[in-house]
Amino acid sequence: MIPDAGRIYLVRDGVPAPRDAVLAKWRQTRFLEEQDLGARGWLLEVMKCVELIGRREFGIDDVYAFEQRLATLYPGNRHVKPKIRQQLQVLRDNGYLEFLGGGRYRLSGA
């Protein structure tokens, strides 16, 4: 259940990936190693939601549309929207996302 951003392909459709591209992809998500298991789970789930939006640029309301899905996954958390904002900030701080202002985000290097 790893989001596409966390998958690093060495070979795809029989074609070896360029070494530099593989290393860049690995560096982009390396920060996840430093997170404890609970924090990593939230980050991965928010990353999946961002991928499901299907656009490089998106708004926070696009991610809030997954509030019920996340609430189902984490029934003990009664503050899902603030948790989504927090996870977007962590993803921004680690270079996975760029904050454009006004509740808008862009996937970095995507």
PDB file of N, CA and C in Angstrom:
ATOM      1  N   MET A   1       0.823  -1.195   0.000  1.00  0.00           N
ATOM      2  CA  MET A   1       0.000   0.000   0.000  1.00  0.00           C
ATOM      3  C   MET A   1       0.869   1.262   0.000  1.00  0.00           C
ATOM      4  N   ILE A   2       1.972   1.236  -0.702  1.00  0.00           N
ATOM      5  CA  ILE A   2       2.878   2.380  -0.785  1.00  0.00           C
ATOM      6  C   ILE A   2       2.429   3.284  -1.922  1.00  0.00           C
ATOM      7  N   PRO A   3       2.388   4.609  -1.681  1.00  0.00           N
ATOM      8  CA  PRO A   3       2.026   5.513  -2.772  1.00  0.00           C
ATOM      9  C   PRO A   3       3.078   5.461  -3.874  1.00  0.00           C
ATOM     10  N   ASP A   4       2.700   5.837  -5.076  1.00  0.00           N
ATOM     11  CA  ASP A   4       3.630   5.806  -6.205  1.00  0.00           C
ATOM     12  C   ASP A   4       4.900   6.592  -5.921  1.00  0.00           C
ATOM     13  N   ALA A   5       4.783   7.680  -5.182  1.00  0.00           N
ATOM     14  CA  ALA A   5       5.960   8.497  -4.871  1.00  0.00           C
ATOM     15  C   ALA A   5       7.010   7.705  -4.102  1.00  0.00           C
ATOM     16  N   GLY A   6       6.592   6.692  -3.373  1.00  0.00           N
ATOM     17  CA  GLY A   6       7.518   5.891  -2.594  1.00  0.00           C
ATOM     18  C   GLY A   6       8.056   4.678  -3.331  1.00  0.00           C
ATOM     19  N   ARG A   7       7.602   4.465  -4.523  1.00  0.00           N
ATOM     20  CA  ARG A   7       8.057   3.321  -5.315  1.00  0.00           C
ATOM     21  C   ARG A   7       9.183   3.771  -6.234  1.00  0.00           C
ATOM     22  N   ILE A   8      10.267   3.052  -6.161  1.00  0.00           N
ATOM     23  CA  ILE A   8      11.430   3.389  -6.976  1.00  0.00           C
ATOM     24  C   ILE A   8      11.701   2.215  -7.904  1.00  0.00           C
ATOM     25  N   TYR A   9      11.551   2.473  -9.173  1.00  0.00           N
ATOM     26  CA  TYR A   9      11.719   1.423 -10.171  1.00  0.00           C
ATOM     27  C   TYR A   9      13.143   1.463 -10.721  1.00  0.00           C
ATOM     28  N   LEU A  10      13.831   0.340 -10.617  1.00  0.00           N
ATOM     29  CA  LEU A  10      15.153   0.225 -11.224  1.00  0.00           C
ATOM     30  C   LEU A  10      15.019  -0.141 -12.693  1.00  0.00           C
ATOM     31  N   VAL A  11      13.987  -0.935 -12.977  1.00  0.00           N
ATOM     32  CA  VAL A  11      13.680  -1.343 -14.348  1.00  0.00           C
ATOM     33  C   VAL A  11      12.173  -1.229 -14.515  1.00  0.00           C
ATOM     34  N   ARG A  12      11.746  -0.613 -15.594  1.00  0.00           N
ATOM     35  CA  ARG A  12      10.311  -0.487 -15.858  1.00  0.00           C
ATOM     36  C   ARG A  12      10.060  -0.805 -17.322  1.00  0.00           C
ATOM     37  N   ASP A  13       9.140  -1.725 -17.556  1.00  0.00           N
ATOM     38  CA  ASP A  13       8.836  -2.181 -18.919  1.00  0.00           C
ATOM     39  C   ASP A  13      10.093  -2.647 -19.645  1.00  0.00           C
ATOM     40  N   GLY A  14      10.984  -3.298 -18.894  1.00  0.00           N
ATOM     41  CA  GLY A  14      12.196  -3.854 -19.476  1.00  0.00           C
ATOM     42  C   GLY A  14      13.303  -2.853 -19.743  1.00  0.00           C
ATOM     43  N   VAL A  15      13.097  -1.593 -19.347  1.00  0.00           N
ATOM     44  CA  VAL A  15      14.089  -0.550 -19.603  1.00  0.00           C
ATOM     45  C   VAL A  15      14.683  -0.102 -18.265  1.00  0.00           C
ATOM     46  N   PRO A  16      16.000  -0.213 -18.131  1.00  0.00           N
ATOM     47  CA  PRO A  16      16.626   0.242 -16.883  1.00  0.00           C
ATOM     48  C   PRO A  16      16.446   1.753 -16.707  1.00  0.00           C
ATOM     49  N   ALA A  17      16.148   2.151 -15.495  1.00  0.00           N
ATOM     50  CA  ALA A  17      16.004   3.573 -15.196  1.00  0.00           C
ATOM     51  C   ALA A  17      17.390   4.201 -15.063  1.00  0.00           C
ATOM     52  N   PRO A  18      17.534   5.452 -15.469  1.00  0.00           N
ATOM     53  CA  PRO A  18      18.825   6.124 -15.298  1.00  0.00           C
ATOM     54  C   PRO A  18      19.190   6.233 -13.821  1.00  0.00           C
ATOM     55  N   ARG A  19      20.445   6.010 -13.515  1.00  0.00           N
ATOM     56  CA  ARG A  19      20.922   6.015 -12.130  1.00  0.00           C
ATOM     57  C   ARG A  19      20.563   7.322 -11.419  1.00  0.00           C
ATOM     58  N   ASP A  20      20.765   8.455 -12.060  1.00  0.00           N
ATOM     59  CA  ASP A  20      20.472   9.747 -11.452  1.00  0.00           C
ATOM     60  C   ASP A  20      18.986   9.885 -11.107  1.00  0.00           C
ATOM     61  N   ALA A  21      18.122   9.366 -11.965  1.00  0.00           N
ATOM     62  CA  ALA A  21      16.685   9.435 -11.711  1.00  0.00           C
ATOM     63  C   ALA A  21      16.297   8.571 -10.509  1.00  0.00           C
ATOM     64  N   VAL A  22      16.913   7.404 -10.406  1.00  0.00           N
ATOM     65  CA  VAL A  22      16.638   6.508  -9.280  1.00  0.00           C
ATOM     66  C   VAL A  22      17.077   7.165  -7.975  1.00  0.00           C
ATOM     67  N   LEU A  23      18.267   7.739  -7.966  1.00  0.00           N
ATOM     68  CA  LEU A  23      18.765   8.389  -6.747  1.00  0.00           C
ATOM     69  C   LEU A  23      17.929   9.607  -6.373  1.00  0.00           C
ATOM     70  N   ALA A  24      17.501  10.386  -7.350  1.00  0.00           N
ATOM     71  CA  ALA A  24      16.665  11.564  -7.076  1.00  0.00           C
ATOM     72  C   ALA A  24      15.337  11.139  -6.462  1.00  0.00           C
ATOM     73  N   LYS A  25      14.748  10.085  -6.987  1.00  0.00           N
ATOM     74  CA  LYS A  25      13.481   9.581  -6.456  1.00  0.00           C
ATOM     75  C   LYS A  25      13.666   9.084  -5.020  1.00  0.00           C
ATOM     76  N   TRP A  26      14.762   8.402  -4.765  1.00  0.00           N
ATOM     77  CA  TRP A  26      15.047   7.904  -3.420  1.00  0.00           C
ATOM     78  C   TRP A  26      15.227   9.067  -2.445  1.00  0.00           C
ATOM     79  N   ARG A  27      15.962  10.083  -2.843  1.00  0.00           N
ATOM     80  CA  ARG A  27      16.183  11.244  -1.971  1.00  0.00           C
ATOM     81  C   ARG A  27      14.883  11.977  -1.649  1.00  0.00           C
ATOM     82  N   GLN A  28      13.958  12.006  -2.607  1.00  0.00           N
ATOM     83  CA  GLN A  28      12.703  12.740  -2.438  1.00  0.00           C
ATOM     84  C   GLN A  28      11.878  12.211  -1.263  1.00  0.00           C
ATOM     85  N   THR A  29      11.944  10.930  -0.991  1.00  0.00           N
ATOM     86  CA  THR A  29      11.124  10.347   0.077  1.00  0.00           C
ATOM     87  C   THR A  29      11.948   9.782   1.230  1.00  0.00           C
ATOM     88  N   ARG A  30      13.231  10.051   1.239  1.00  0.00           N
ATOM     89  CA  ARG A  30      14.109   9.516   2.286  1.00  0.00           C
ATOM     90  C   ARG A  30      13.701   9.990   3.684  1.00  0.00           C
ATOM     91  N   PHE A  31      13.107  11.165   3.774  1.00  0.00           N
ATOM     92  CA  PHE A  31      12.698  11.704   5.074  1.00  0.00           C
ATOM     93  C   PHE A  31      11.723  10.775   5.808  1.00  0.00           C
ATOM     94  N   LEU A  32      11.027   9.921   5.076  1.00  0.00           N
ATOM     95  CA  LEU A  32      10.067   9.011   5.705  1.00  0.00           C
ATOM     96  C   LEU A  32      10.756   8.034   6.657  1.00  0.00           C
ATOM     97  N   GLU A  33      12.010   7.697   6.384  1.00  0.00           N
ATOM     98  CA  GLU A  33      12.753   6.776   7.246  1.00  0.00           C
ATOM     99  C   GLU A  33      12.873   7.312   8.665  1.00  0.00           C
ATOM    100  N   GLU A  34      12.911   8.639   8.795  1.00  0.00           N
ATOM    101  CA  GLU A  34      13.134   9.276  10.090  1.00  0.00           C
ATOM    102  C   GLU A  34      11.864   9.380  10.935  1.00  0.00           C
ATOM    103  N   GLN A  35      10.727   9.086  10.358  1.00  0.00           N
ATOM    104  CA  GLN A  35       9.448   9.214  11.056  1.00  0.00           C
ATOM    105  C   GLN A  35       9.143   7.939  11.833  1.00  0.00           C
ATOM    106  N   ASP A  36       8.510   8.124  13.011  1.00  0.00           N
ATOM    107  CA  ASP A  36       8.071   6.919  13.718  1.00  0.00           C
ATOM    108  C   ASP A  36       6.909   6.300  12.950  1.00  0.00           C
ATOM    109  N   LEU A  37       6.557   5.095  13.310  1.00  0.00           N
ATOM    110  CA  LEU A  37       5.574   4.328  12.540  1.00  0.00           C
ATOM    111  C   LEU A  37       4.232   5.043  12.404  1.00  0.00           C
ATOM    112  N   GLY A  38       3.722   5.618  13.491  1.00  0.00           N
ATOM    113  CA  GLY A  38       2.432   6.311  13.434  1.00  0.00           C
ATOM    114  C   GLY A  38       2.473   7.520  12.519  1.00  0.00           C
ATOM    115  N   ALA A  39       3.521   8.328  12.646  1.00  0.00           N
ATOM    116  CA  ALA A  39       3.658   9.518  11.794  1.00  0.00           C
ATOM    117  C   ALA A  39       3.843   9.113  10.337  1.00  0.00           C
ATOM    118  N   ARG A  40       4.598   8.072  10.100  1.00  0.00           N
ATOM    119  CA  ARG A  40       4.831   7.605   8.731  1.00  0.00           C
ATOM    120  C   ARG A  40       3.526   7.149   8.085  1.00  0.00           C
ATOM    121  N   GLY A  41       2.674   6.492   8.882  1.00  0.00           N
ATOM    122  CA  GLY A  41       1.389   6.036   8.351  1.00  0.00           C
ATOM    123  C   GLY A  41       0.534   7.200   7.873  1.00  0.00           C
ATOM    124  N   TRP A  42       0.444   8.238   8.695  1.00  0.00           N
ATOM    125  CA  TRP A  42      -0.316   9.424   8.285  1.00  0.00           C
ATOM    126  C   TRP A  42       0.286  10.067   7.042  1.00  0.00           C
ATOM    127  N   LEU A  43       1.602  10.210   7.017  1.00  0.00           N
ATOM    128  CA  LEU A  43       2.250  10.830   5.855  1.00  0.00           C
ATOM    129  C   LEU A  43       1.975  10.030   4.586  1.00  0.00           C
ATOM    130  N   LEU A  44       2.111   8.727   4.680  1.00  0.00           N
ATOM    131  CA  LEU A  44       1.865   7.887   3.499  1.00  0.00           C
ATOM    132  C   LEU A  44       0.414   7.989   3.033  1.00  0.00           C
ATOM    133  N   GLU A  45      -0.508   8.026   3.977  1.00  0.00           N
ATOM    134  CA  GLU A  45      -1.923   8.128   3.592  1.00  0.00           C
ATOM    135  C   GLU A  45      -2.231   9.476   2.942  1.00  0.00           C
ATOM    136  N   VAL A  46      -1.661  10.547   3.467  1.00  0.00           N
ATOM    137  CA  VAL A  46      -1.884  11.864   2.846  1.00  0.00           C
ATOM    138  C   VAL A  46      -1.210  11.908   1.477  1.00  0.00           C
ATOM    139  N   MET A  47      -0.044  11.286   1.336  1.00  0.00           N
ATOM    140  CA  MET A  47       0.605  11.210   0.029  1.00  0.00           C
ATOM    141  C   MET A  47      -0.278  10.466  -0.971  1.00  0.00           C
ATOM    142  N   LYS A  48      -0.910   9.388  -0.518  1.00  0.00           N
ATOM    143  CA  LYS A  48      -1.831   8.648  -1.398  1.00  0.00           C
ATOM    144  C   LYS A  48      -2.997   9.536  -1.826  1.00  0.00           C
ATOM    145  N   CYS A  49      -3.530  10.308  -0.885  1.00  0.00           N
ATOM    146  CA  CYS A  49      -4.646  11.209  -1.213  1.00  0.00           C
ATOM    147  C   CYS A  49      -4.214  12.227  -2.258  1.00  0.00           C
ATOM    148  N   VAL A  50      -3.024  12.788  -2.079  1.00  0.00           N
ATOM    149  CA  VAL A  50      -2.500  13.758  -3.046  1.00  0.00           C
ATOM    150  C   VAL A  50      -2.375  13.105  -4.419  1.00  0.00           C
ATOM    151  N   GLU A  51      -1.886  11.873  -4.467  1.00  0.00           N
ATOM    152  CA  GLU A  51      -1.780  11.162  -5.747  1.00  0.00           C
ATOM    153  C   GLU A  51      -3.144  10.930  -6.378  1.00  0.00           C
ATOM    154  N   LEU A  52      -4.130  10.609  -5.552  1.00  0.00           N
ATOM    155  CA  LEU A  52      -5.479  10.359  -6.073  1.00  0.00           C
ATOM    156  C   LEU A  52      -6.121  11.616  -6.655  1.00  0.00           C
ATOM    157  N   ILE A  53      -5.678  12.783  -6.226  1.00  0.00           N
ATOM    158  CA  ILE A  53      -6.185  14.028  -6.809  1.00  0.00           C
ATOM    159  C   ILE A  53      -5.845  14.061  -8.292  1.00  0.00           C
ATOM    160  N   GLY A  54      -4.665  13.568  -8.638  1.00  0.00           N
ATOM    161  CA  GLY A  54      -4.305  13.399 -10.039  1.00  0.00           C
ATOM    162  C   GLY A  54      -3.810  14.648 -10.748  1.00  0.00           C
ATOM    163  N   ARG A  55      -3.472  15.676  -9.987  1.00  0.00           N
ATOM    164  CA  ARG A  55      -2.930  16.894 -10.604  1.00  0.00           C
ATOM    165  C   ARG A  55      -1.657  17.296  -9.870  1.00  0.00           C
ATOM    166  N   ARG A  56      -0.758  17.919 -10.570  1.00  0.00           N
ATOM    167  CA  ARG A  56       0.485  18.395  -9.957  1.00  0.00           C
ATOM    168  C   ARG A  56       0.208  19.542  -8.993  1.00  0.00           C
ATOM    169  N   GLU A  57      -0.727  20.415  -9.328  1.00  0.00           N
ATOM    170  CA  GLU A  57      -1.132  21.506  -8.444  1.00  0.00           C
ATOM    171  C   GLU A  57      -2.535  21.230  -7.928  1.00  0.00           C
ATOM    172  N   PHE A  58      -2.740  21.516  -6.663  1.00  0.00           N
ATOM    173  CA  PHE A  58      -4.027  21.224  -6.038  1.00  0.00           C
ATOM    174  C   PHE A  58      -4.229  22.157  -4.857  1.00  0.00           C
ATOM    175  N   GLY A  59      -5.447  22.179  -4.357  1.00  0.00           N
ATOM    176  CA  GLY A  59      -5.778  22.992  -3.199  1.00  0.00           C
ATOM    177  C   GLY A  59      -6.014  22.137  -1.972  1.00  0.00           C
ATOM    178  N   ILE A  60      -5.965  22.784  -0.825  1.00  0.00           N
ATOM    179  CA  ILE A  60      -6.171  22.048   0.423  1.00  0.00           C
ATOM    180  C   ILE A  60      -7.568  21.420   0.460  1.00  0.00           C
ATOM    181  N   ASP A  61      -8.560  22.069  -0.163  1.00  0.00           N
ATOM    182  CA  ASP A  61      -9.902  21.487  -0.205  1.00  0.00           C
ATOM    183  C   ASP A  61      -9.929  20.174  -0.973  1.00  0.00           C
ATOM    184  N   ASP A  62      -9.023  20.027  -1.955  1.00  0.00           N
ATOM    185  CA  ASP A  62      -8.924  18.755  -2.681  1.00  0.00           C
ATOM    186  C   ASP A  62      -8.499  17.638  -1.737  1.00  0.00           C
ATOM    187  N   VAL A  63      -7.606  17.956  -0.807  1.00  0.00           N
ATOM    188  CA  VAL A  63      -7.151  16.947   0.157  1.00  0.00           C
ATOM    189  C   VAL A  63      -8.218  16.738   1.231  1.00  0.00           C
ATOM    190  N   TYR A  64      -8.887  17.823   1.629  1.00  0.00           N
ATOM    191  CA  TYR A  64      -9.970  17.690   2.611  1.00  0.00           C
ATOM    192  C   TYR A  64     -11.082  16.777   2.108  1.00  0.00           C
ATOM    193  N   ALA A  65     -11.200  16.619   0.804  1.00  0.00           N
ATOM    194  CA  ALA A  65     -12.220  15.725   0.246  1.00  0.00           C
ATOM    195  C   ALA A  65     -12.010  14.281   0.705  1.00  0.00           C
ATOM    196  N   PHE A  66     -10.807  13.975   1.198  1.00  0.00           N
ATOM    197  CA  PHE A  66     -10.495  12.627   1.683  1.00  0.00           C
ATOM    198  C   PHE A  66     -10.655  12.517   3.195  1.00  0.00           C
ATOM    199  N   GLU A  67     -11.274  13.519   3.826  1.00  0.00           N
ATOM    200  CA  GLU A  67     -11.418  13.534   5.272  1.00  0.00           C
ATOM    201  C   GLU A  67     -12.091  12.258   5.792  1.00  0.00           C
ATOM    202  N   GLN A  68     -13.173  11.850   5.178  1.00  0.00           N
ATOM    203  CA  GLN A  68     -13.895  10.664   5.658  1.00  0.00           C
ATOM    204  C   GLN A  68     -13.048   9.406   5.512  1.00  0.00           C
ATOM    205  N   ARG A  69     -12.343   9.287   4.415  1.00  0.00           N
ATOM    206  CA  ARG A  69     -11.462   8.129   4.215  1.00  0.00           C
ATOM    207  C   ARG A  69     -10.422   8.054   5.327  1.00  0.00           C
ATOM    208  N   LEU A  70      -9.793   9.186   5.637  1.00  0.00           N
ATOM    209  CA  LEU A  70      -8.774   9.220   6.679  1.00  0.00           C
ATOM    210  C   LEU A  70      -9.380   9.000   8.063  1.00  0.00           C
ATOM    211  N   ALA A  71     -10.574   9.540   8.279  1.00  0.00           N
ATOM    212  CA  ALA A  71     -11.252   9.332   9.562  1.00  0.00           C
ATOM    213  C   ALA A  71     -11.560   7.855   9.773  1.00  0.00           C
ATOM    214  N   THR A  72     -11.873   7.155   8.713  1.00  0.00           N
ATOM    215  CA  THR A  72     -12.137   5.718   8.801  1.00  0.00           C
ATOM    216  C   THR A  72     -10.849   4.955   9.121  1.00  0.00           C
ATOM    217  N   LEU A  73      -9.743   5.374   8.516  1.00  0.00           N
ATOM    218  CA  LEU A  73      -8.460   4.718   8.776  1.00  0.00           C
ATOM    219  C   LEU A  73      -7.941   4.999  10.182  1.00  0.00           C
ATOM    220  N   TYR A  74      -8.259   6.193  10.699  1.00  0.00           N
ATOM    221  CA  TYR A  74      -7.774   6.614  12.015  1.00  0.00           C
ATOM    222  C   TYR A  74      -8.949   7.044  12.880  1.00  0.00           C
ATOM    223  N   PRO A  75      -9.776   6.088  13.319  1.00  0.00           N
ATOM    224  CA  PRO A  75     -10.995   6.422  14.055  1.00  0.00           C
ATOM    225  C   PRO A  75     -10.738   7.108  15.408  1.00  0.00           C
ATOM    226  N   GLY A  76      -9.550   6.994  15.941  1.00  0.00           N
ATOM    227  CA  GLY A  76      -9.230   7.640  17.207  1.00  0.00           C
ATOM    228  C   GLY A  76      -8.908   9.118  17.074  1.00  0.00           C
ATOM    229  N   ASN A  77      -8.745   9.584  15.845  1.00  0.00           N
ATOM    230  CA  ASN A  77      -8.405  10.992  15.624  1.00  0.00           C
ATOM    231  C   ASN A  77      -9.677  11.764  15.303  1.00  0.00           C
ATOM    232  N   ARG A  78     -10.045  12.671  16.185  1.00  0.00           N
ATOM    233  CA  ARG A  78     -11.265  13.454  15.987  1.00  0.00           C
ATOM    234  C   ARG A  78     -10.980  14.808  15.350  1.00  0.00           C
ATOM    235  N   HIS A  79      -9.743  15.015  14.932  1.00  0.00           N
ATOM    236  CA  HIS A  79      -9.331  16.293  14.347  1.00  0.00           C
ATOM    237  C   HIS A  79      -8.597  16.030  13.033  1.00  0.00           C
ATOM    238  N   VAL A  80      -9.312  15.465  12.084  1.00  0.00           N
ATOM    239  CA  VAL A  80      -8.688  15.015  10.844  1.00  0.00           C
ATOM    240  C   VAL A  80      -8.211  16.185   9.982  1.00  0.00           C
ATOM    241  N   LYS A  81      -9.013  17.227   9.841  1.00  0.00           N
ATOM    242  CA  LYS A  81      -8.570  18.358   9.006  1.00  0.00           C
ATOM    243  C   LYS A  81      -7.287  19.001   9.535  1.00  0.00           C
ATOM    244  N   PRO A  82      -7.186  19.278  10.844  1.00  0.00           N
ATOM    245  CA  PRO A  82      -5.909  19.805  11.331  1.00  0.00           C
ATOM    246  C   PRO A  82      -4.744  18.830  11.091  1.00  0.00           C
ATOM    247  N   LYS A  83      -5.017  17.530  11.183  1.00  0.00           N
ATOM    248  CA  LYS A  83      -3.967  16.535  10.942  1.00  0.00           C
ATOM    249  C   LYS A  83      -3.542  16.562   9.473  1.00  0.00           C
ATOM    250  N   ILE A  84      -4.501  16.731   8.566  1.00  0.00           N
ATOM    251  CA  ILE A  84      -4.177  16.847   7.142  1.00  0.00           C
ATOM    252  C   ILE A  84      -3.269  18.058   6.929  1.00  0.00           C
ATOM    253  N   ARG A  85      -3.637  19.209   7.507  1.00  0.00           N
ATOM    254  CA  ARG A  85      -2.804  20.418   7.368  1.00  0.00           C
ATOM    255  C   ARG A  85      -1.399  20.176   7.901  1.00  0.00           C
ATOM    256  N   GLN A  86      -1.315  19.514   9.056  1.00  0.00           N
ATOM    257  CA  GLN A  86      -0.011  19.219   9.646  1.00  0.00           C
ATOM    258  C   GLN A  86       0.834  18.354   8.710  1.00  0.00           C
ATOM    259  N   GLN A  87       0.223  17.337   8.141  1.00  0.00           N
ATOM    260  CA  GLN A  87       0.962  16.430   7.257  1.00  0.00           C
ATOM    261  C   GLN A  87       1.397  17.143   5.974  1.00  0.00           C
ATOM    262  N   LEU A  88       0.559  18.031   5.457  1.00  0.00           N
ATOM    263  CA  LEU A  88       0.956  18.825   4.288  1.00  0.00           C
ATOM    264  C   LEU A  88       2.149  19.708   4.620  1.00  0.00           C
ATOM    265  N   GLN A  89       2.191  20.242   5.846  1.00  0.00           N
ATOM    266  CA  GLN A  89       3.334  21.054   6.272  1.00  0.00           C
ATOM    267  C   GLN A  89       4.606  20.206   6.363  1.00  0.00           C
ATOM    268  N   VAL A  90       4.482  18.999   6.891  1.00  0.00           N
ATOM    269  CA  VAL A  90       5.643  18.109   6.974  1.00  0.00           C
ATOM    270  C   VAL A  90       6.131  17.774   5.565  1.00  0.00           C
ATOM    271  N   LEU A  91       5.208  17.486   4.665  1.00  0.00           N
ATOM    272  CA  LEU A  91       5.584  17.181   3.290  1.00  0.00           C
ATOM    273  C   LEU A  91       6.236  18.399   2.619  1.00  0.00           C
ATOM    274  N   ARG A  92       5.735  19.580   2.925  1.00  0.00           N
ATOM    275  CA  ARG A  92       6.337  20.815   2.410  1.00  0.00           C
ATOM    276  C   ARG A  92       7.739  21.003   2.988  1.00  0.00           C
ATOM    277  N   ASP A  93       7.868  20.866   4.295  1.00  0.00           N
ATOM    278  CA  ASP A  93       9.156  21.076   4.958  1.00  0.00           C
ATOM    279  C   ASP A  93      10.230  20.109   4.483  1.00  0.00           C
ATOM    280  N   ASN A  94       9.811  18.959   3.989  1.00  0.00           N
ATOM    281  CA  ASN A  94      10.755  17.953   3.514  1.00  0.00           C
ATOM    282  C   ASN A  94      10.924  17.963   1.994  1.00  0.00           C
ATOM    283  N   GLY A  95      10.371  18.984   1.344  1.00  0.00           N
ATOM    284  CA  GLY A  95      10.595  19.156  -0.086  1.00  0.00           C
ATOM    285  C   GLY A  95       9.734  18.308  -0.992  1.00  0.00           C
ATOM    286  N   TYR A  96       8.778  17.595  -0.441  1.00  0.00           N
ATOM    287  CA  TYR A  96       7.886  16.774  -1.273  1.00  0.00           C
ATOM    288  C   TYR A  96       6.854  17.641  -1.972  1.00  0.00           C
ATOM    289  N   LEU A  97       6.416  18.705  -1.284  1.00  0.00           N
ATOM    290  CA  LEU A  97       5.439  19.655  -1.827  1.00  0.00           C
ATOM    291  C   LEU A  97       6.005  21.065  -1.743  1.00  0.00           C
ATOM    292  N   GLU A  98       5.479  21.919  -2.591  1.00  0.00           N
ATOM    293  CA  GLU A  98       5.740  23.355  -2.493  1.00  0.00           C
ATOM    294  C   GLU A  98       4.424  24.015  -2.092  1.00  0.00           C
ATOM    295  N   PHE A  99       4.483  24.945  -1.153  1.00  0.00           N
ATOM    296  CA  PHE A  99       3.308  25.721  -0.787  1.00  0.00           C
ATOM    297  C   PHE A  99       3.283  26.955  -1.660  1.00  0.00           C
ATOM    298  N   LEU A 100       2.193  27.162  -2.388  1.00  0.00           N
ATOM    299  CA  LEU A 100       2.089  28.275  -3.333  1.00  0.00           C
ATOM    300  C   LEU A 100       1.380  29.478  -2.732  1.00  0.00           C
ATOM    301  N   GLY A 101       0.785  29.302  -1.554  1.00  0.00           N
ATOM    302  CA  GLY A 101       0.007  30.363  -0.922  1.00  0.00           C
ATOM    303  C   GLY A 101      -1.473  30.161  -1.195  1.00  0.00           C
ATOM    304  N   GLY A 102      -2.284  30.767  -0.341  1.00  0.00           N
ATOM    305  CA  GLY A 102      -3.729  30.688  -0.545  1.00  0.00           C
ATOM    306  C   GLY A 102      -4.292  29.285  -0.547  1.00  0.00           C
ATOM    307  N   GLY A 103      -3.671  28.376   0.214  1.00  0.00           N
ATOM    308  CA  GLY A 103      -4.177  27.009   0.278  1.00  0.00           C
ATOM    309  C   GLY A 103      -3.861  26.164  -0.942  1.00  0.00           C
ATOM    310  N   ARG A 104      -2.907  26.597  -1.749  1.00  0.00           N
ATOM    311  CA  ARG A 104      -2.524  25.870  -2.976  1.00  0.00           C
ATOM    312  C   ARG A 104      -1.168  25.221  -2.792  1.00  0.00           C
ATOM    313  N   TYR A 105      -1.010  24.033  -3.381  1.00  0.00           N
ATOM    314  CA  TYR A 105       0.228  23.262  -3.291  1.00  0.00           C
ATOM    315  C   TYR A 105       0.610  22.747  -4.673  1.00  0.00           C
ATOM    316  N   ARG A 106       1.891  22.404  -4.797  1.00  0.00           N
ATOM    317  CA  ARG A 106       2.401  21.786  -6.025  1.00  0.00           C
ATOM    318  C   ARG A 106       3.354  20.663  -5.620  1.00  0.00           C
ATOM    319  N   LEU A 107       3.249  19.525  -6.307  1.00  0.00           N
ATOM    320  CA  LEU A 107       4.197  18.441  -6.103  1.00  0.00           C
ATOM    321  C   LEU A 107       5.565  18.908  -6.584  1.00  0.00           C
ATOM    322  N   SER A 108       6.579  18.719  -5.777  1.00  0.00           N
ATOM    323  CA  SER A 108       7.951  19.107  -6.152  1.00  0.00           C
ATOM    324  C   SER A 108       8.557  18.081  -7.095  1.00  0.00           C
ATOM    325  N   GLY A 109       9.198  18.562  -8.114  1.00  0.00           N
ATOM    326  CA  GLY A 109       9.927  17.682  -9.017  1.00  0.00           C
ATOM    327  C   GLY A 109       9.100  16.604  -9.668  1.00  0.00           C
ATOM    328  N   ALA A 110       7.787  16.729  -9.627  1.00  0.00           N
ATOM    329  CA  ALA A 110       6.933  15.696 -10.231  1.00  0.00           C
ATOM    330  C   ALA A 110       6.733  15.967 -11.700  1.00  0.00           C
TER     331      ALA A 110
END
